[in-house]
Amino acid sequence: MNSSDLYIYRRNLPHWRLAGASYFVTWRLYPGRPVLGFEERTKVMQALQHFDGRRYELSAYVVMDDHVHAVVQPFDGQDLM
């Protein structure tokens, strides 16, 4: 790896991108929102699985009542956004 392979930018928190890297991604519901029910968690799982093998390799994920964790490796030319 050389420094030109690493892209660093900032929004609320610093973000680092490196081609070919795997990422541990977490997101949560807005505070004060009701938790996700079974059907909503199922839809989130289906959405994660939808692009597995097309835009990214999905190594692992867990969908909780109020947050999600995923380990993904985006394919070349694909952003995490």
C-alpha atoms as a PDB file:
ATOM      1  CA  MET A   1       0.000   0.000   0.000  1.00  0.00           C
ATOM      2  CA  ASN A   2       1.194   3.485  -0.751  1.00  0.00           C
ATOM      3  CA  SER A   3      -0.296   6.751   0.473  1.00  0.00           C
ATOM      4  CA  SER A   4      -2.131   7.343  -2.822  1.00  0.00           C
ATOM      5  CA  ASP A   5      -4.280   4.224  -2.143  1.00  0.00           C
ATOM      6  CA  LEU A   6      -5.720   5.696   1.053  1.00  0.00           C
ATOM      7  CA  TYR A   7      -8.535   8.258   0.873  1.00  0.00           C
ATOM      8  CA  ILE A   8      -9.405  10.115   4.106  1.00  0.00           C
ATOM      9  CA  TYR A   9     -12.325  12.502   4.463  1.00  0.00           C
ATOM     10  CA  ARG A  10     -14.437  13.872   7.276  1.00  0.00           C
ATOM     11  CA  ARG A  11     -18.136  14.306   7.937  1.00  0.00           C
ATOM     12  CA  ASN A  12     -19.222  14.017  11.574  1.00  0.00           C
ATOM     13  CA  LEU A  13     -16.457  11.457  12.102  1.00  0.00           C
ATOM     14  CA  PRO A  14     -13.314  10.720  10.112  1.00  0.00           C
ATOM     15  CA  HIS A  15     -13.726   8.163   7.326  1.00  0.00           C
ATOM     16  CA  TRP A  16     -10.934   6.170   5.712  1.00  0.00           C
ATOM     17  CA  ARG A  17     -11.193   4.260   2.451  1.00  0.00           C
ATOM     18  CA  LEU A  18      -8.701   1.786   1.075  1.00  0.00           C
ATOM     19  CA  ALA A  19      -9.215  -0.211  -2.127  1.00  0.00           C
ATOM     20  CA  GLY A  20      -9.630  -3.929  -1.396  1.00  0.00           C
ATOM     21  CA  ALA A  21     -10.224  -3.408   2.327  1.00  0.00           C
ATOM     22  CA  SER A  22     -13.015  -4.924   4.391  1.00  0.00           C
ATOM     23  CA  TYR A  23     -15.054  -2.588   6.575  1.00  0.00           C
ATOM     24  CA  PHE A  24     -16.909  -3.028   9.843  1.00  0.00           C
ATOM     25  CA  VAL A  25     -19.954  -0.784   9.427  1.00  0.00           C
ATOM     26  CA  THR A  26     -22.455   0.169  12.139  1.00  0.00           C
ATOM     27  CA  TRP A  27     -25.568   2.277  11.958  1.00  0.00           C
ATOM     28  CA  ARG A  28     -28.434   2.849  14.346  1.00  0.00           C
ATOM     29  CA  LEU A  29     -31.903   4.274  14.538  1.00  0.00           C
ATOM     30  CA  TYR A  30     -32.347   7.909  15.396  1.00  0.00           C
ATOM     31  CA  PRO A  31     -32.569   8.251  19.203  1.00  0.00           C
ATOM     32  CA  GLY A  32     -36.120   8.094  20.483  1.00  0.00           C
ATOM     33  CA  ARG A  33     -37.424   6.059  17.511  1.00  0.00           C
ATOM     34  CA  PRO A  34     -39.315   2.848  18.227  1.00  0.00           C
ATOM     35  CA  VAL A  35     -37.218  -0.284  17.859  1.00  0.00           C
ATOM     36  CA  LEU A  36     -37.362  -2.411  14.726  1.00  0.00           C
ATOM     37  CA  GLY A  37     -39.883  -5.214  14.718  1.00  0.00           C
ATOM     38  CA  PHE A  38     -39.369  -8.676  13.249  1.00  0.00           C
ATOM     39  CA  GLU A  39     -40.651  -7.696   9.778  1.00  0.00           C
ATOM     40  CA  GLU A  40     -38.484  -4.566   9.663  1.00  0.00           C
ATOM     41  CA  ARG A  41     -35.373  -6.491  10.733  1.00  0.00           C
ATOM     42  CA  THR A  42     -36.147  -9.048   8.025  1.00  0.00           C
ATOM     43  CA  LYS A  43     -36.337  -6.279   5.395  1.00  0.00           C
ATOM     44  CA  VAL A  44     -32.982  -4.889   6.535  1.00  0.00           C
ATOM     45  CA  MET A  45     -31.443  -8.378   6.212  1.00  0.00           C
ATOM     46  CA  GLN A  46     -32.929  -8.766   2.732  1.00  0.00           C
ATOM     47  CA  ALA A  47     -31.550  -5.373   1.711  1.00  0.00           C
ATOM     48  CA  LEU A  48     -28.065  -6.308   2.930  1.00  0.00           C
ATOM     49  CA  GLN A  49     -28.207  -9.636   1.092  1.00  0.00           C
ATOM     50  CA  HIS A  50     -29.570  -8.060  -2.113  1.00  0.00           C
ATOM     51  CA  PHE A  51     -26.229  -6.556  -3.184  1.00  0.00           C
ATOM     52  CA  ASP A  52     -24.043  -9.335  -1.755  1.00  0.00           C
ATOM     53  CA  GLY A  53     -21.996 -10.583  -4.701  1.00  0.00           C
ATOM     54  CA  ARG A  54     -22.994  -7.611  -6.878  1.00  0.00           C
ATOM     55  CA  ARG A  55     -21.655  -4.502  -5.127  1.00  0.00           C
ATOM     56  CA  TYR A  56     -19.836  -6.046  -2.179  1.00  0.00           C
ATOM     57  CA  GLU A  57     -18.922  -9.238  -0.416  1.00  0.00           C
ATOM     58  CA  LEU A  58     -20.972  -9.504   2.759  1.00  0.00           C
ATOM     59  CA  SER A  59     -18.897 -11.442   5.266  1.00  0.00           C
ATOM     60  CA  ALA A  60     -21.133 -11.098   8.322  1.00  0.00           C
ATOM     61  CA  TYR A  61     -23.989  -9.040   9.713  1.00  0.00           C
ATOM     62  CA  VAL A  62     -26.338  -8.768  12.655  1.00  0.00           C
ATOM     63  CA  VAL A  63     -29.558  -6.762  12.775  1.00  0.00           C
ATOM     64  CA  MET A  64     -30.552  -5.762  16.297  1.00  0.00           C
ATOM     65  CA  ASP A  65     -33.648  -3.919  17.547  1.00  0.00           C
ATOM     66  CA  ASP A  66     -32.067  -0.483  17.177  1.00  0.00           C
ATOM     67  CA  HIS A  67     -28.799  -0.938  15.255  1.00  0.00           C
ATOM     68  CA  VAL A  68     -27.019  -2.972  12.579  1.00  0.00           C
ATOM     69  CA  HIS A  69     -23.444  -4.257  12.247  1.00  0.00           C
ATOM     70  CA  ALA A  70     -22.002  -5.541   8.963  1.00  0.00           C
ATOM     71  CA  VAL A  71     -18.603  -6.589   7.610  1.00  0.00           C
ATOM     72  CA  VAL A  72     -18.371  -5.836   3.896  1.00  0.00           C
ATOM     73  CA  GLN A  73     -15.723  -5.613   1.195  1.00  0.00           C
ATOM     74  CA  PRO A  74     -16.877  -3.297  -1.611  1.00  0.00           C
ATOM     75  CA  PHE A  75     -15.993  -4.345  -5.142  1.00  0.00           C
ATOM     76  CA  ASP A  76     -13.833  -2.043  -7.274  1.00  0.00           C
ATOM     77  CA  GLY A  77     -15.706   1.114  -8.214  1.00  0.00           C
ATOM     78  CA  GLN A  78     -18.347   0.700  -5.474  1.00  0.00           C
ATOM     79  CA  ASP A  79     -18.709   3.158  -2.583  1.00  0.00           C
ATOM     80  CA  LEU A  80     -20.094   2.381   0.850  1.00  0.00           C
ATOM     81  CA  MET A  81     -22.454   5.376   0.700  1.00  0.00           C
END
